[in-house]
Amino acid sequence: MSTAIYSHPDCLLHEMGDWHPESPARLRAIEDQLILARLDGLVEQHSAPLADEAAILRNHSRAALDLVRDNLPEAAGRHYPLDGDTLLCRDSYRAALRAAGAAVAATDAVIGGSVDNAFCAVRPPGHHALPDAPMGFCLFNNVAIAARHALEAHGLARVAIVDFDVHHGNGTDASFRDDPRVLMASFFQHPFYPYTEPGPITATSVNIPVPAYTGGDAVRRLVEDYWLPALHAFRPQMVFVSAGFDAHREDDLGGMALVEADYAWMTHRLVEVAREHAQGRIVSCLEGGYNLSALGRSVAAHVKALAELD
């Protein structure tokens, strides 16, 4: 498989204070682990462009975009709070445009056939960002923006979004809840932030709450029993992944017990789905993951599985 990684130094510029777990060090930890795993020379490296406003506005209201763009502090080291744990610094809008731009450019490349799949090593993350407001460390919803780009700019009829972050991707769910073109499949620790009440399983919504301390064996069973049948029935023409790694057993911001092998196993199953229904097309975007060592190792396992190098 031909796999690309999309990123940009601008994604390091977004910072919310030394105390904040969603820090620039996350991307540095990923880069270090990709080098240690000898992956940096085996996958294509691409610089993420800035997303244009039209791409953002496919999924977000003008008010949501303006809230981020127009409230940037002028001075370095200053912050503008959007909620209790989501803050803007003077470079946050630029970083958010790079994150969304990576997802859009990766979508173009995968649909265009220049690569089979891609991982976007970007921040800020996106899956909590609602159509009308940022939320939960997230400014714009990168995966939702990319999915809408695939549907509306490229004319795909069906796409799937798979989310294995420890937290429910409530922003993504809200973006596509009534859209029959999009299947969302996820698991999430419950009860836990953002305190989503589980909804019914339908043909386009397979979001499975799991209790704290859930480990890899249980997750693999729910993937086999719920995700895979729904994905094969839906026959997506492209697969998007909200790749959060905070369900790792070493991550104190979550309470689950996955390890790197579980992320690799899930990725292989998604590669098989994409190969059968979607010409192998996958775009994966970084979401959570806050233990730096576990994050870097898990991303390396995920990228190896995407590239079938393991």
Protein backbone atom coordinates (compact mmCIF):
# COMPACT_ATOMS: atom_id res chain seq x y z
CA MET A 1 0.00 0.00 0.00
CA SER A 2 1.13 3.56 -0.75
CA THR A 3 0.64 5.60 2.42
CA ALA A 4 1.18 9.32 2.97
CA ILE A 5 1.52 11.40 6.12
CA TYR A 6 0.22 14.95 6.02
CA SER A 7 1.41 17.48 8.59
CA HIS A 8 2.82 21.00 8.95
CA PRO A 9 4.95 22.92 11.47
CA ASP A 10 2.08 25.40 11.90
CA CYS A 11 0.22 22.70 13.84
CA LEU A 12 2.85 23.10 16.57
CA LEU A 13 1.99 26.79 16.99
CA HIS A 14 -1.41 26.20 18.58
CA GLU A 15 -0.89 26.04 22.34
CA MET A 16 -3.31 26.40 25.23
CA GLY A 17 -0.86 26.76 28.13
CA ASP A 18 1.84 24.60 29.71
CA TRP A 19 -0.79 22.83 31.81
CA HIS A 20 -2.84 21.66 28.85
CA PRO A 21 -2.56 18.00 27.74
CA GLU A 22 -3.39 18.83 24.11
CA SER A 23 0.09 20.21 23.51
CA PRO A 24 2.58 20.60 20.64
CA ALA A 25 4.64 17.84 22.26
CA ARG A 26 2.09 15.34 20.94
CA LEU A 27 3.22 15.83 17.34
CA ARG A 28 6.88 15.72 18.32
CA ALA A 29 6.30 12.40 20.11
CA ILE A 30 4.64 10.99 16.99
CA GLU A 31 7.49 12.16 14.76
CA ASP A 32 10.07 10.60 17.09
CA GLN A 33 8.27 7.24 17.13
CA LEU A 34 7.86 7.18 13.36
CA ILE A 35 11.62 7.66 13.06
CA LEU A 36 12.34 4.98 15.66
CA ALA A 37 10.02 2.61 13.77
CA ARG A 38 11.93 3.47 10.57
CA LEU A 39 8.71 4.59 8.93
CA ASP A 40 9.78 8.12 8.00
CA GLY A 41 11.50 6.86 4.84
CA LEU A 42 8.87 4.27 3.95
CA VAL A 43 5.82 6.53 3.71
CA GLU A 44 5.37 9.70 1.69
CA GLN A 45 5.64 12.97 3.61
CA HIS A 46 3.38 15.83 2.51
CA SER A 47 3.07 19.41 3.73
CA ALA A 48 -0.50 20.32 4.64
CA PRO A 49 -1.94 23.35 2.85
CA LEU A 50 -4.21 25.91 4.48
CA ALA A 51 -7.87 25.00 4.08
CA ASP A 52 -9.95 27.68 2.45
CA GLU A 53 -13.02 29.04 4.18
CA ALA A 54 -15.33 27.33 1.72
CA ALA A 55 -14.09 23.93 2.90
CA ILE A 56 -14.69 24.87 6.55
CA LEU A 57 -18.14 26.23 5.77
CA ARG A 58 -19.25 22.95 4.23
CA ASN A 59 -19.52 21.65 7.78
CA HIS A 60 -19.51 24.71 10.06
CA SER A 61 -21.61 27.82 10.35
CA ARG A 62 -20.18 31.23 9.54
CA ALA A 63 -20.56 32.11 13.23
CA ALA A 64 -18.41 29.14 14.26
CA LEU A 65 -15.66 30.11 11.82
CA ASP A 66 -15.78 33.77 12.82
CA LEU A 67 -15.62 32.89 16.51
CA VAL A 68 -12.21 31.30 15.99
CA ARG A 69 -10.85 33.72 13.39
CA ASP A 70 -11.90 36.93 15.14
CA ASN A 71 -10.91 36.22 18.75
CA LEU A 72 -7.20 35.50 18.48
CA PRO A 73 -5.10 37.22 21.17
CA GLU A 74 -2.55 39.61 19.69
CA ALA A 75 0.22 38.89 22.18
CA ALA A 76 2.23 35.70 22.52
CA GLY A 77 1.41 33.75 25.65
CA ARG A 78 -2.13 35.14 25.91
CA HIS A 79 -5.25 33.01 25.54
CA TYR A 80 -8.91 33.53 24.71
CA PRO A 81 -11.14 30.87 26.31
CA LEU A 82 -13.90 29.36 24.19
CA ASP A 83 -14.85 26.95 26.98
CA GLY A 84 -13.19 25.63 30.10
CA ASP A 85 -10.65 23.54 28.23
CA THR A 86 -10.61 25.01 24.70
CA LEU A 87 -8.52 28.16 24.27
CA LEU A 88 -7.20 30.25 21.42
CA CYS A 89 -3.69 31.65 21.08
CA ARG A 90 -2.60 34.05 18.36
CA ASP A 91 -1.73 31.18 15.95
CA SER A 92 -4.70 28.92 16.60
CA TYR A 93 -6.68 29.84 13.49
CA ARG A 94 -3.69 29.17 11.24
CA ALA A 95 -3.05 25.82 12.91
CA ALA A 96 -6.73 24.88 12.57
CA LEU A 97 -6.67 25.74 8.86
CA ARG A 98 -3.60 23.50 8.43
CA ALA A 99 -5.31 20.64 10.26
CA ALA A 100 -8.43 20.87 8.10
CA GLY A 101 -6.29 21.51 5.02
CA ALA A 102 -4.35 18.30 5.64
CA ALA A 103 -7.58 16.30 5.75
CA VAL A 104 -8.89 17.91 2.55
CA ALA A 105 -5.58 17.50 0.68
CA ALA A 106 -5.28 13.89 1.80
CA THR A 107 -8.82 13.27 0.55
CA ASP A 108 -7.93 14.76 -2.84
CA ALA A 109 -4.78 12.64 -3.08
CA VAL A 110 -6.49 9.39 -2.12
CA ILE A 111 -9.47 9.92 -4.43
CA GLY A 112 -7.10 11.05 -7.17
CA GLY A 113 -5.13 7.82 -6.81
CA SER A 114 -1.71 9.28 -6.07
CA VAL A 115 -1.71 7.42 -2.72
CA ASP A 116 -3.82 4.58 -1.38
CA ASN A 117 -4.37 6.00 2.07
CA ALA A 118 -3.13 8.76 4.38
CA PHE A 119 -2.66 9.70 8.01
CA CYS A 120 -2.94 13.35 9.05
CA ALA A 121 -0.61 14.11 11.97
CA VAL A 122 -2.31 17.37 12.87
CA ARG A 123 -3.65 19.41 15.73
CA PRO A 124 -5.90 20.85 16.98
CA PRO A 125 -8.07 17.74 16.86
CA GLY A 126 -11.62 17.92 15.58
CA HIS A 127 -14.24 15.34 16.49
CA HIS A 128 -15.88 17.33 19.32
CA ALA A 129 -16.27 20.48 17.18
CA LEU A 130 -19.98 20.98 16.53
CA PRO A 131 -21.30 22.53 13.33
CA ASP A 132 -22.07 25.72 15.27
CA ALA A 133 -19.32 25.85 17.91
CA PRO A 134 -15.85 24.66 18.93
CA MET A 135 -15.73 22.28 21.88
CA GLY A 136 -13.48 19.96 23.85
CA PHE A 137 -9.98 20.90 22.57
CA CYS A 138 -11.41 21.05 19.01
CA LEU A 139 -11.86 24.12 16.78
CA PHE A 140 -12.96 22.70 13.41
CA ASN A 141 -14.01 19.12 12.73
CA ASN A 142 -11.27 17.88 10.40
CA VAL A 143 -12.80 14.50 9.59
CA ALA A 144 -16.26 15.95 8.99
CA ILE A 145 -14.82 18.63 6.72
CA ALA A 146 -12.94 15.98 4.74
CA ALA A 147 -16.00 13.75 4.49
CA ARG A 148 -18.11 16.62 3.19
CA HIS A 149 -15.35 17.44 0.69
CA ALA A 150 -15.47 13.86 -0.59
CA LEU A 151 -19.26 13.97 -0.87
CA GLU A 152 -19.74 17.46 -2.29
CA ALA A 153 -16.53 18.25 -4.19
CA HIS A 154 -15.85 14.73 -5.49
CA GLY A 155 -19.42 13.45 -5.73
CA LEU A 156 -19.08 10.28 -3.68
CA ALA A 157 -22.39 8.77 -2.69
CA ARG A 158 -21.46 7.00 0.58
CA VAL A 159 -18.64 7.45 3.08
CA ALA A 160 -17.98 5.90 6.48
CA ILE A 161 -16.42 7.59 9.50
CA VAL A 162 -14.92 5.28 12.12
CA ASP A 163 -13.95 6.81 15.48
CA PHE A 164 -11.89 4.86 18.04
CA ASP A 165 -11.16 7.72 20.43
CA VAL A 166 -12.04 7.10 24.09
CA HIS A 167 -14.48 10.03 23.91
CA HIS A 168 -17.59 10.06 21.77
CA GLY A 169 -17.17 12.10 18.59
CA ASN A 170 -20.25 14.16 19.34
CA GLY A 171 -19.39 16.86 16.81
CA THR A 172 -19.12 14.33 14.01
CA ASP A 173 -22.33 12.66 15.13
CA ALA A 174 -24.14 16.00 15.11
CA SER A 175 -22.76 16.84 11.67
CA PHE A 176 -24.17 13.74 9.98
CA ARG A 177 -26.96 12.47 12.20
CA ASP A 178 -29.62 12.88 9.50
CA ASP A 179 -27.41 12.29 6.44
CA PRO A 180 -28.02 8.88 4.83
CA ARG A 181 -24.77 9.24 2.86
CA VAL A 182 -22.63 8.86 6.00
CA LEU A 183 -22.21 5.89 8.31
CA MET A 184 -20.59 6.67 11.67
CA ALA A 185 -19.21 3.77 13.70
CA SER A 186 -17.52 4.24 17.05
CA PHE A 187 -17.03 3.02 20.57
CA PHE A 188 -16.64 5.36 23.50
CA GLN A 189 -16.25 5.15 27.25
CA HIS A 190 -19.55 5.79 29.02
CA PRO A 191 -20.35 7.63 31.18
CA PHE A 192 -17.56 10.02 30.25
CA TYR A 193 -16.97 13.36 28.51
CA PRO A 194 -18.83 14.69 26.53
CA TYR A 195 -21.53 12.75 28.41
CA THR A 196 -23.41 11.74 25.28
CA GLU A 197 -26.49 9.64 25.86
CA PRO A 198 -26.17 6.55 23.66
CA GLY A 199 -28.54 6.51 20.73
CA PRO A 200 -30.09 3.53 18.95
CA ILE A 201 -28.03 1.54 16.48
CA THR A 202 -29.22 2.16 12.93
CA ALA A 203 -27.94 1.49 9.43
CA THR A 204 -25.90 4.72 9.57
CA SER A 205 -25.18 5.08 13.30
CA VAL A 206 -23.27 2.35 15.13
CA ASN A 207 -21.95 4.13 18.21
CA ILE A 208 -21.31 1.67 21.05
CA PRO A 209 -20.88 2.82 24.66
CA VAL A 210 -18.48 0.74 26.76
CA PRO A 211 -17.64 0.88 30.46
CA ALA A 212 -14.35 2.03 31.94
CA TYR A 213 -11.56 -0.57 31.98
CA THR A 214 -12.78 -2.14 28.72
CA GLY A 215 -9.84 -3.86 27.03
CA GLY A 216 -8.86 -5.07 23.60
CA ASP A 217 -10.71 -8.39 23.63
CA ALA A 218 -14.06 -6.69 24.20
CA VAL A 219 -13.34 -3.99 21.62
CA ARG A 220 -12.38 -6.57 19.01
CA ARG A 221 -15.66 -8.41 19.63
CA LEU A 222 -17.74 -5.26 19.19
CA VAL A 223 -15.85 -4.43 15.98
CA GLU A 224 -16.62 -7.90 14.63
CA ASP A 225 -20.22 -7.99 15.89
CA TYR A 226 -21.29 -4.41 15.10
CA TRP A 227 -18.88 -2.33 13.06
CA LEU A 228 -17.92 -4.79 10.34
CA PRO A 229 -21.44 -6.00 9.48
CA ALA A 230 -22.63 -2.37 9.27
CA LEU A 231 -19.67 -1.32 7.14
CA HIS A 232 -20.07 -4.19 4.71
CA ALA A 233 -23.81 -3.57 4.42
CA PHE A 234 -23.25 0.14 3.81
CA ARG A 235 -20.49 -0.39 1.19
CA PRO A 236 -18.70 2.94 1.70
CA GLN A 237 -16.83 4.42 -1.23
CA MET A 238 -14.28 5.90 1.20
CA VAL A 239 -13.39 5.37 4.86
CA PHE A 240 -12.42 8.18 7.21
CA VAL A 241 -10.92 7.52 10.63
CA SER A 242 -11.01 9.69 13.73
CA ALA A 243 -7.85 8.19 15.16
CA GLY A 244 -7.80 8.92 18.86
CA PHE A 245 -5.34 6.94 20.96
CA ASP A 246 -6.51 7.95 24.45
CA ALA A 247 -8.23 4.58 25.00
CA HIS A 248 -4.70 3.23 25.57
CA ARG A 249 -4.20 1.70 28.99
CA GLU A 250 -1.34 4.13 29.74
CA ASP A 251 -3.42 7.26 29.01
CA ASP A 252 -4.68 8.92 32.19
CA LEU A 253 -7.23 11.07 30.34
CA GLY A 254 -9.22 7.94 29.56
CA GLY A 255 -10.13 4.84 31.46
CA MET A 256 -9.91 2.05 28.90
CA ALA A 257 -7.20 -0.55 28.39
CA LEU A 258 -6.22 -0.85 24.72
CA VAL A 259 -2.64 -1.41 23.55
CA GLU A 260 -0.82 -0.83 20.26
CA ALA A 261 -1.75 -4.26 18.91
CA ASP A 262 -5.44 -3.40 19.26
CA TYR A 263 -5.05 -0.26 17.15
CA ALA A 264 -3.13 -2.23 14.53
CA TRP A 265 -5.82 -4.93 14.49
CA MET A 266 -8.64 -2.38 14.04
CA THR A 267 -6.70 -0.65 11.28
CA HIS A 268 -6.20 -3.92 9.41
CA ARG A 269 -9.94 -4.59 9.56
CA LEU A 270 -10.64 -1.13 8.13
CA VAL A 271 -8.07 -1.66 5.37
CA GLU A 272 -9.91 -4.86 4.44
CA VAL A 273 -13.25 -3.03 4.31
CA ALA A 274 -11.76 -0.24 2.23
CA ARG A 275 -10.14 -2.69 -0.17
CA GLU A 276 -13.43 -4.54 -0.69
CA HIS A 277 -15.73 -1.55 -1.11
CA ALA A 278 -13.73 1.67 -1.50
CA GLN A 279 -10.75 0.94 -3.77
CA GLY A 280 -8.62 0.93 -0.62
CA ARG A 281 -9.32 4.61 0.10
CA ILE A 282 -8.76 5.68 3.73
CA VAL A 283 -7.97 9.04 5.30
CA SER A 284 -7.17 8.98 9.01
CA CYS A 285 -6.91 12.09 11.19
CA LEU A 286 -5.34 12.36 14.63
CA GLU A 287 -7.75 13.04 17.47
CA GLY A 288 -6.84 12.33 21.13
CA GLY A 289 -3.94 10.60 22.83
CA TYR A 290 -2.14 12.33 25.69
CA ASN A 291 0.40 9.93 27.13
CA LEU A 292 3.22 10.87 24.79
CA SER A 293 4.96 7.50 24.69
CA ALA A 294 1.75 5.52 24.22
CA LEU A 295 0.55 8.01 21.59
CA GLY A 296 3.71 7.77 19.52
CA ARG A 297 3.84 3.98 19.68
CA SER A 298 0.15 3.65 18.82
CA VAL A 299 0.38 6.00 15.83
CA ALA A 300 3.37 4.04 14.56
CA ALA A 301 1.34 0.82 14.82
CA HIS A 302 -1.60 2.48 13.03
CA VAL A 303 0.57 3.80 10.19
CA LYS A 304 2.36 0.46 9.80
CA ALA A 305 -1.02 -1.24 9.44
CA LEU A 306 -2.24 1.33 6.92
CA ALA A 307 0.91 0.76 4.87
CA GLU A 308 0.82 -3.01 5.51
CA LEU A 309 4.41 -2.88 6.74
CA ASP A 310 3.80 -4.97 9.87
